[in-house]
Amino acid sequence: MNAFDFRGKTVLVTGGSTGIGNASARGFLAAGARVIVTGTRASAADYAGSDGDLAGLEYHRLDQGDAAAVAAFDPGVDRLDVLVVAGAKVAYRRAEFEIETFADVLATNLTGPMQLATKFRARLQGGSIIFIGSVASFRGTIGQPAYSASKGGLLTLTKTLAQAFGGEGIRVNLIAPGLVRSKMTAVTWTVPERLAATEAQVPLRRIGEPDDIAGAVLFLASPLAGYITGTSLIIDGGLSA
């Protein structure tokens, strides 16, 4: 049996229009799954020229930080096999110290994932939920109190939902990437001096690519991870070691 054969499976990836979410979605698509993705733009055509490839994916607009939008969201399926919550938000230049911005980031990064998990719980019969956290799930990040708090909360939410949903055969896990090349992290990797300084600290001497994370997402959704739930997997090139 090919453990990475997802033919006949339906996968929903929020934030699947770019970055880690898009790489994960394309991984599932290549493995034969029906893949539904969400993004914040009006249509898939609005992502032309961005870092995501939406060919072959079913696109829906969704702001996962908008509780009313999540409540009304209907991907048009009665059953899901995998839910990947990859949508996230960060604010720079100390904006997260403003309470309105702090609440906005938490709405997308923590409340939204909780709402999505509970919304699709009944459709995930024996399925898998994978949250995309961060190395910030385990430590503070100077200048980003909301991002760090939300990703830390997502770690304990993962453990709590794994306990709550386990009796239904639903596994809940978290992946914690380090610095990965994406639109969100462009403030670092597009500046040669910052990129060089970061890569010098990473044992593998490079920052991550979205595909580095996508492989782990497919693993956690596969039968190979059938007895793994409530855990977190750090993927940072060895930086946290």
C-alpha atoms as a PDB file:
ATOM      1  CA  MET A   1       0.000   0.000   0.000  1.00  0.00           C
ATOM      2  CA  ASN A   2       1.212   3.498  -0.823  1.00  0.00           C
ATOM      3  CA  ALA A   3       0.708   5.495   2.366  1.00  0.00           C
ATOM      4  CA  PHE A   4       0.842   8.714   0.390  1.00  0.00           C
ATOM      5  CA  ASP A   5      -1.962   7.748  -1.984  1.00  0.00           C
ATOM      6  CA  PHE A   6      -4.800  10.185  -1.266  1.00  0.00           C
ATOM      7  CA  ARG A   7      -7.042   9.166  -4.144  1.00  0.00           C
ATOM      8  CA  GLY A   8     -10.680   9.332  -3.080  1.00  0.00           C
ATOM      9  CA  LYS A   9      -9.832  11.699  -0.219  1.00  0.00           C
ATOM     10  CA  THR A  10     -11.031  15.273   0.206  1.00  0.00           C
ATOM     11  CA  VAL A  11      -8.704  17.860   1.703  1.00  0.00           C
ATOM     12  CA  LEU A  12      -9.410  21.435   2.788  1.00  0.00           C
ATOM     13  CA  VAL A  13      -6.458  23.796   3.187  1.00  0.00           C
ATOM     14  CA  THR A  14      -7.201  27.248   4.565  1.00  0.00           C
ATOM     15  CA  GLY A  15      -4.620  29.761   3.475  1.00  0.00           C
ATOM     16  CA  GLY A  16      -3.919  27.414   0.582  1.00  0.00           C
ATOM     17  CA  SER A  17      -3.442  30.127  -2.002  1.00  0.00           C
ATOM     18  CA  THR A  18       0.222  30.862  -1.233  1.00  0.00           C
ATOM     19  CA  GLY A  19       3.210  29.734   0.792  1.00  0.00           C
ATOM     20  CA  ILE A  20       3.121  26.644   3.015  1.00  0.00           C
ATOM     21  CA  GLY A  21      -0.610  26.202   2.493  1.00  0.00           C
ATOM     22  CA  ASN A  22      -0.261  26.177  -1.274  1.00  0.00           C
ATOM     23  CA  ALA A  23       2.697  23.770  -1.224  1.00  0.00           C
ATOM     24  CA  SER A  24       0.694  21.435   1.012  1.00  0.00           C
ATOM     25  CA  ALA A  25      -2.366  21.679  -1.216  1.00  0.00           C
ATOM     26  CA  ARG A  26      -0.303  20.866  -4.286  1.00  0.00           C
ATOM     27  CA  GLY A  27       1.239  17.924  -2.481  1.00  0.00           C
ATOM     28  CA  PHE A  28      -2.177  16.463  -1.766  1.00  0.00           C
ATOM     29  CA  LEU A  29      -3.283  17.160  -5.334  1.00  0.00           C
ATOM     30  CA  ALA A  30      -0.264  15.302  -6.719  1.00  0.00           C
ATOM     31  CA  ALA A  31      -1.156  12.394  -4.423  1.00  0.00           C
ATOM     32  CA  GLY A  32      -4.621  12.160  -5.997  1.00  0.00           C
ATOM     33  CA  ALA A  33      -6.812  14.051  -3.540  1.00  0.00           C
ATOM     34  CA  ARG A  34      -9.613  16.462  -4.235  1.00  0.00           C
ATOM     35  CA  VAL A  35      -8.232  19.675  -2.764  1.00  0.00           C
ATOM     36  CA  ILE A  36     -10.169  22.746  -1.710  1.00  0.00           C
ATOM     37  CA  VAL A  37      -8.254  25.871  -0.734  1.00  0.00           C
ATOM     38  CA  THR A  38      -9.178  29.244   0.667  1.00  0.00           C
ATOM     39  CA  GLY A  39      -7.623  32.673   0.339  1.00  0.00           C
ATOM     40  CA  THR A  40      -8.610  36.228   1.079  1.00  0.00           C
ATOM     41  CA  ARG A  41      -8.845  37.497  -2.511  1.00  0.00           C
ATOM     42  CA  ALA A  42     -12.053  37.487  -4.531  1.00  0.00           C
ATOM     43  CA  SER A  43     -11.056  34.774  -6.995  1.00  0.00           C
ATOM     44  CA  ALA A  44      -8.243  32.415  -7.931  1.00  0.00           C
ATOM     45  CA  ALA A  45      -7.410  34.682 -10.876  1.00  0.00           C
ATOM     46  CA  ASP A  46      -6.423  37.399  -8.418  1.00  0.00           C
ATOM     47  CA  TYR A  47      -3.412  35.294  -7.380  1.00  0.00           C
ATOM     48  CA  ALA A  48      -1.869  35.252 -10.857  1.00  0.00           C
ATOM     49  CA  GLY A  49       1.822  36.035 -10.549  1.00  0.00           C
ATOM     50  CA  SER A  50       1.930  35.361  -6.799  1.00  0.00           C
ATOM     51  CA  ASP A  51       3.896  32.615  -5.038  1.00  0.00           C
ATOM     52  CA  GLY A  52       1.009  30.158  -5.267  1.00  0.00           C
ATOM     53  CA  ASP A  53      -0.225  27.854  -8.032  1.00  0.00           C
ATOM     54  CA  LEU A  54      -3.978  27.264  -7.928  1.00  0.00           C
ATOM     55  CA  ALA A  55      -4.262  25.090 -11.048  1.00  0.00           C
ATOM     56  CA  GLY A  56      -6.362  22.029 -10.271  1.00  0.00           C
ATOM     57  CA  LEU A  57      -7.423  23.331  -6.862  1.00  0.00           C
ATOM     58  CA  GLU A  58     -10.952  24.392  -5.911  1.00  0.00           C
ATOM     59  CA  TYR A  59     -10.823  27.950  -4.618  1.00  0.00           C
ATOM     60  CA  HIS A  60     -13.096  29.717  -2.113  1.00  0.00           C
ATOM     61  CA  ARG A  61     -12.713  33.154  -0.615  1.00  0.00           C
ATOM     62  CA  LEU A  62     -12.494  33.131   3.180  1.00  0.00           C
ATOM     63  CA  ASP A  63     -11.118  35.411   5.859  1.00  0.00           C
ATOM     64  CA  GLN A  64     -10.626  32.916   8.686  1.00  0.00           C
ATOM     65  CA  GLY A  65     -10.367  35.756  11.174  1.00  0.00           C
ATOM     66  CA  ASP A  66     -13.952  36.795  10.410  1.00  0.00           C
ATOM     67  CA  ALA A  67     -16.201  34.676  12.623  1.00  0.00           C
ATOM     68  CA  ALA A  68     -19.306  35.383  10.560  1.00  0.00           C
ATOM     69  CA  ALA A  69     -17.518  34.442   7.341  1.00  0.00           C
ATOM     70  CA  VAL A  70     -16.286  31.168   8.836  1.00  0.00           C
ATOM     71  CA  ALA A  71     -19.763  30.358  10.121  1.00  0.00           C
ATOM     72  CA  ALA A  72     -21.227  30.919   6.652  1.00  0.00           C
ATOM     73  CA  PHE A  73     -18.416  29.148   4.781  1.00  0.00           C
ATOM     74  CA  ASP A  74     -19.570  26.128   2.767  1.00  0.00           C
ATOM     75  CA  PRO A  75     -16.947  24.250   0.727  1.00  0.00           C
ATOM     76  CA  GLY A  76     -19.665  22.062  -0.778  1.00  0.00           C
ATOM     77  CA  VAL A  77     -18.644  18.713   0.721  1.00  0.00           C
ATOM     78  CA  ASP A  78     -20.361  16.437   3.216  1.00  0.00           C
ATOM     79  CA  ARG A  79     -17.151  14.762   4.356  1.00  0.00           C
ATOM     80  CA  LEU A  80     -13.532  15.795   4.808  1.00  0.00           C
ATOM     81  CA  ASP A  81     -10.551  13.537   5.316  1.00  0.00           C
ATOM     82  CA  VAL A  82      -8.012  16.245   6.107  1.00  0.00           C
ATOM     83  CA  LEU A  83      -8.262  19.828   7.368  1.00  0.00           C
ATOM     84  CA  VAL A  84      -5.064  21.860   7.176  1.00  0.00           C
ATOM     85  CA  VAL A  85      -5.304  25.273   8.823  1.00  0.00           C
ATOM     86  CA  ALA A  86      -2.459  27.247   7.286  1.00  0.00           C
ATOM     87  CA  GLY A  87      -3.946  30.733   7.164  1.00  0.00           C
ATOM     88  CA  ALA A  88      -2.106  33.201   9.404  1.00  0.00           C
ATOM     89  CA  LYS A  89      -1.396  36.854   9.969  1.00  0.00           C
ATOM     90  CA  VAL A  90       1.437  38.918  11.422  1.00  0.00           C
ATOM     91  CA  ALA A  91       1.932  42.648  11.879  1.00  0.00           C
ATOM     92  CA  TYR A  92       5.345  44.325  11.893  1.00  0.00           C
ATOM     93  CA  ARG A  93       6.836  47.581  13.221  1.00  0.00           C
ATOM     94  CA  ARG A  94       5.431  46.960  16.717  1.00  0.00           C
ATOM     95  CA  ALA A  95       1.857  47.271  15.452  1.00  0.00           C
ATOM     96  CA  GLU A  96       0.862  44.204  17.482  1.00  0.00           C
ATOM     97  CA  PHE A  97       1.287  46.239  20.671  1.00  0.00           C
ATOM     98  CA  GLU A  98      -1.860  48.107  19.651  1.00  0.00           C
ATOM     99  CA  ILE A  99      -4.834  46.269  21.134  1.00  0.00           C
ATOM    100  CA  GLU A 100      -6.937  46.380  17.971  1.00  0.00           C
ATOM    101  CA  THR A 101      -4.128  44.834  15.941  1.00  0.00           C
ATOM    102  CA  PHE A 102      -3.417  42.318  18.709  1.00  0.00           C
ATOM    103  CA  ALA A 103      -7.051  41.171  18.633  1.00  0.00           C
ATOM    104  CA  ASP A 104      -7.080  41.039  14.834  1.00  0.00           C
ATOM    105  CA  VAL A 105      -4.031  38.759  14.702  1.00  0.00           C
ATOM    106  CA  LEU A 106      -5.458  36.468  17.385  1.00  0.00           C
ATOM    107  CA  ALA A 107      -8.756  36.264  15.495  1.00  0.00           C
ATOM    108  CA  THR A 108      -6.969  34.869  12.433  1.00  0.00           C
ATOM    109  CA  ASN A 109      -4.280  32.777  14.107  1.00  0.00           C
ATOM    110  CA  LEU A 110      -6.138  31.268  17.074  1.00  0.00           C
ATOM    111  CA  THR A 111      -9.883  31.895  17.165  1.00  0.00           C
ATOM    112  CA  GLY A 112     -10.257  31.090  13.469  1.00  0.00           C
ATOM    113  CA  PRO A 113      -8.499  27.718  13.744  1.00  0.00           C
ATOM    114  CA  MET A 114     -10.664  26.791  16.730  1.00  0.00           C
ATOM    115  CA  GLN A 115     -13.821  27.778  14.845  1.00  0.00           C
ATOM    116  CA  LEU A 116     -12.763  25.827  11.751  1.00  0.00           C
ATOM    117  CA  ALA A 117     -11.911  22.716  13.768  1.00  0.00           C
ATOM    118  CA  THR A 118     -15.268  22.696  15.529  1.00  0.00           C
ATOM    119  CA  LYS A 119     -17.164  23.589  12.351  1.00  0.00           C
ATOM    120  CA  PHE A 120     -15.790  20.602  10.448  1.00  0.00           C
ATOM    121  CA  ARG A 121     -15.567  18.170  13.366  1.00  0.00           C
ATOM    122  CA  ALA A 122     -18.634  16.204  12.310  1.00  0.00           C
ATOM    123  CA  ARG A 123     -17.359  15.865   8.730  1.00  0.00           C
ATOM    124  CA  LEU A 124     -13.938  14.588   9.806  1.00  0.00           C
ATOM    125  CA  GLN A 125     -14.967  11.049  10.654  1.00  0.00           C
ATOM    126  CA  GLY A 126     -11.651   9.402  11.409  1.00  0.00           C
ATOM    127  CA  GLY A 127      -9.873  12.291   9.701  1.00  0.00           C
ATOM    128  CA  SER A 128      -6.948  14.514  10.510  1.00  0.00           C
ATOM    129  CA  ILE A 129      -6.541  18.165  11.510  1.00  0.00           C
ATOM    130  CA  ILE A 130      -3.152  19.780  11.016  1.00  0.00           C
ATOM    131  CA  PHE A 131      -2.484  23.253  12.356  1.00  0.00           C
ATOM    132  CA  ILE A 132       0.453  25.253  11.024  1.00  0.00           C
ATOM    133  CA  GLY A 133       2.051  26.785  14.072  1.00  0.00           C
ATOM    134  CA  SER A 134       5.540  28.231  14.349  1.00  0.00           C
ATOM    135  CA  VAL A 135       8.710  28.001  16.364  1.00  0.00           C
ATOM    136  CA  ALA A 136       7.045  31.000  18.021  1.00  0.00           C
ATOM    137  CA  SER A 137       4.664  28.428  19.530  1.00  0.00           C
ATOM    138  CA  PHE A 138       7.500  27.668  21.960  1.00  0.00           C
ATOM    139  CA  ARG A 139       9.120  31.029  22.605  1.00  0.00           C
ATOM    140  CA  GLY A 140       8.553  34.751  22.506  1.00  0.00           C
ATOM    141  CA  THR A 141       9.188  36.815  19.400  1.00  0.00           C
ATOM    142  CA  ILE A 142      10.285  40.364  20.114  1.00  0.00           C
ATOM    143  CA  GLY A 143       8.010  42.836  18.371  1.00  0.00           C
ATOM    144  CA  GLN A 144       5.214  40.327  17.708  1.00  0.00           C
ATOM    145  CA  PRO A 145       3.311  39.735  20.958  1.00  0.00           C
ATOM    146  CA  ALA A 146       0.099  38.770  19.144  1.00  0.00           C
ATOM    147  CA  TYR A 147       1.786  36.371  16.735  1.00  0.00           C
ATOM    148  CA  SER A 148       3.671  34.640  19.540  1.00  0.00           C
ATOM    149  CA  ALA A 149       0.651  34.485  21.824  1.00  0.00           C
ATOM    150  CA  SER A 150      -1.559  33.107  19.066  1.00  0.00           C
ATOM    151  CA  LYS A 151       0.954  30.458  17.988  1.00  0.00           C
ATOM    152  CA  GLY A 152       1.584  29.475  21.601  1.00  0.00           C
ATOM    153  CA  GLY A 153      -2.154  29.173  22.095  1.00  0.00           C
ATOM    154  CA  LEU A 154      -2.409  27.069  18.954  1.00  0.00           C
ATOM    155  CA  LEU A 155       0.039  24.579  20.469  1.00  0.00           C
ATOM    156  CA  THR A 156      -2.062  23.994  23.560  1.00  0.00           C
ATOM    157  CA  LEU A 157      -5.238  24.069  21.479  1.00  0.00           C
ATOM    158  CA  THR A 158      -3.766  21.202  19.458  1.00  0.00           C
ATOM    159  CA  LYS A 159      -3.257  19.142  22.600  1.00  0.00           C
ATOM    160  CA  THR A 160      -6.715  19.957  23.937  1.00  0.00           C
ATOM    161  CA  LEU A 161      -8.558  19.126  20.716  1.00  0.00           C
ATOM    162  CA  ALA A 162      -6.552  15.918  20.335  1.00  0.00           C
ATOM    163  CA  GLN A 163      -7.963  14.860  23.690  1.00  0.00           C
ATOM    164  CA  ALA A 164     -11.476  16.068  22.894  1.00  0.00           C
ATOM    165  CA  PHE A 165     -11.709  14.608  19.373  1.00  0.00           C
ATOM    166  CA  GLY A 166      -9.706  11.415  19.859  1.00  0.00           C
ATOM    167  CA  GLY A 167     -12.725   9.308  20.727  1.00  0.00           C
ATOM    168  CA  GLU A 168     -14.106  10.069  17.274  1.00  0.00           C
ATOM    169  CA  GLY A 169     -10.894   8.906  15.588  1.00  0.00           C
ATOM    170  CA  ILE A 170      -9.890  12.459  14.674  1.00  0.00           C
ATOM    171  CA  ARG A 171      -6.189  13.165  15.036  1.00  0.00           C
ATOM    172  CA  VAL A 172      -5.005  16.723  15.728  1.00  0.00           C
ATOM    173  CA  ASN A 173      -1.374  17.739  15.295  1.00  0.00           C
ATOM    174  CA  LEU A 174       0.714  20.868  14.804  1.00  0.00           C
ATOM    175  CA  ILE A 175       3.690  21.647  12.595  1.00  0.00           C
ATOM    176  CA  ALA A 176       6.012  24.401  13.809  1.00  0.00           C
ATOM    177  CA  PRO A 177       8.112  25.816  10.963  1.00  0.00           C
ATOM    178  CA  GLY A 178      11.075  28.066  11.430  1.00  0.00           C
ATOM    179  CA  LEU A 179      11.772  30.773   8.866  1.00  0.00           C
ATOM    180  CA  VAL A 180      10.240  29.634   5.566  1.00  0.00           C
ATOM    181  CA  ARG A 181      10.392  31.575   2.321  1.00  0.00           C
ATOM    182  CA  SER A 182       6.921  33.071   1.822  1.00  0.00           C
ATOM    183  CA  LYS A 183       5.127  36.341   1.350  1.00  0.00           C
ATOM    184  CA  MET A 184       4.718  36.716   5.107  1.00  0.00           C
ATOM    185  CA  THR A 185       8.453  36.406   5.788  1.00  0.00           C
ATOM    186  CA  ALA A 186       9.670  38.516   2.867  1.00  0.00           C
ATOM    187  CA  VAL A 187      10.783  41.214   5.312  1.00  0.00           C
ATOM    188  CA  THR A 188      13.679  38.892   6.196  1.00  0.00           C
ATOM    189  CA  TRP A 189      14.641  36.846   3.155  1.00  0.00           C
ATOM    190  CA  THR A 190      14.449  39.696   0.630  1.00  0.00           C
ATOM    191  CA  VAL A 191      17.098  41.633   2.566  1.00  0.00           C
ATOM    192  CA  PRO A 192      20.471  39.983   1.790  1.00  0.00           C
ATOM    193  CA  GLU A 193      22.095  40.979   5.098  1.00  0.00           C
ATOM    194  CA  ARG A 194      19.191  39.622   7.179  1.00  0.00           C
ATOM    195  CA  LEU A 195      19.010  36.441   5.142  1.00  0.00           C
ATOM    196  CA  ALA A 196      22.739  35.778   5.482  1.00  0.00           C
ATOM    197  CA  ALA A 197      22.652  36.389   9.228  1.00  0.00           C
ATOM    198  CA  THR A 198      19.738  34.009   9.648  1.00  0.00           C
ATOM    199  CA  GLU A 199      21.162  31.262   7.486  1.00  0.00           C
ATOM    200  CA  ALA A 200      24.480  31.429   9.353  1.00  0.00           C
ATOM    201  CA  GLN A 201      22.620  30.361  12.515  1.00  0.00           C
ATOM    202  CA  VAL A 202      20.798  27.430  10.892  1.00  0.00           C
ATOM    203  CA  PRO A 203      22.702  24.112  11.050  1.00  0.00           C
ATOM    204  CA  LEU A 204      21.524  23.243   7.517  1.00  0.00           C
ATOM    205  CA  ARG A 205      22.704  26.702   6.391  1.00  0.00           C
ATOM    206  CA  ARG A 206      19.528  27.697   4.599  1.00  0.00           C
ATOM    207  CA  ILE A 207      16.028  28.879   5.386  1.00  0.00           C
ATOM    208  CA  GLY A 208      13.101  26.578   4.721  1.00  0.00           C
ATOM    209  CA  GLU A 209      11.065  26.293   1.566  1.00  0.00           C
ATOM    210  CA  PRO A 210       7.290  25.679   1.542  1.00  0.00           C
ATOM    211  CA  ASP A 211       7.858  22.178   0.147  1.00  0.00           C
ATOM    212  CA  ASP A 212       9.988  21.348   3.201  1.00  0.00           C
ATOM    213  CA  ILE A 213       6.864  21.750   5.310  1.00  0.00           C
ATOM    214  CA  ALA A 214       4.424  20.189   2.852  1.00  0.00           C
ATOM    215  CA  GLY A 215       6.103  16.784   3.119  1.00  0.00           C
ATOM    216  CA  ALA A 216       5.503  16.730   6.864  1.00  0.00           C
ATOM    217  CA  VAL A 217       1.885  17.780   6.368  1.00  0.00           C
ATOM    218  CA  LEU A 218       1.274  14.817   4.065  1.00  0.00           C
ATOM    219  CA  PHE A 219       3.010  12.506   6.519  1.00  0.00           C
ATOM    220  CA  LEU A 220       0.807  13.589   9.442  1.00  0.00           C
ATOM    221  CA  ALA A 221      -2.299  13.122   7.283  1.00  0.00           C
ATOM    222  CA  SER A 222      -1.213   9.668   6.110  1.00  0.00           C
ATOM    223  CA  PRO A 223      -1.725   6.201   7.619  1.00  0.00           C
ATOM    224  CA  LEU A 224       1.952   6.260   8.636  1.00  0.00           C
ATOM    225  CA  ALA A 225       0.945   8.750  11.354  1.00  0.00           C
ATOM    226  CA  GLY A 226      -2.161   6.817  12.383  1.00  0.00           C
ATOM    227  CA  TYR A 227      -1.124   6.694  16.051  1.00  0.00           C
ATOM    228  CA  ILE A 228       0.158  10.267  16.256  1.00  0.00           C
ATOM    229  CA  THR A 229      -2.083  12.902  17.797  1.00  0.00           C
ATOM    230  CA  GLY A 230      -1.677  15.868  20.115  1.00  0.00           C
ATOM    231  CA  THR A 231       1.933  16.365  19.113  1.00  0.00           C
ATOM    232  CA  SER A 232       4.023  19.083  17.477  1.00  0.00           C
ATOM    233  CA  LEU A 233       6.757  18.756  14.886  1.00  0.00           C
ATOM    234  CA  ILE A 234       9.412  21.469  14.674  1.00  0.00           C
ATOM    235  CA  ILE A 235      10.851  21.964  11.183  1.00  0.00           C
ATOM    236  CA  ASP A 236      13.516  24.655  11.310  1.00  0.00           C
ATOM    237  CA  GLY A 237      16.678  23.187   9.822  1.00  0.00           C
ATOM    238  CA  GLY A 238      17.981  22.437  13.303  1.00  0.00           C
ATOM    239  CA  LEU A 239      17.957  26.026  14.532  1.00  0.00           C
ATOM    240  CA  SER A 240      16.139  25.202  17.782  1.00  0.00           C
ATOM    241  CA  ALA A 241      18.601  22.408  18.508  1.00  0.00           C
END
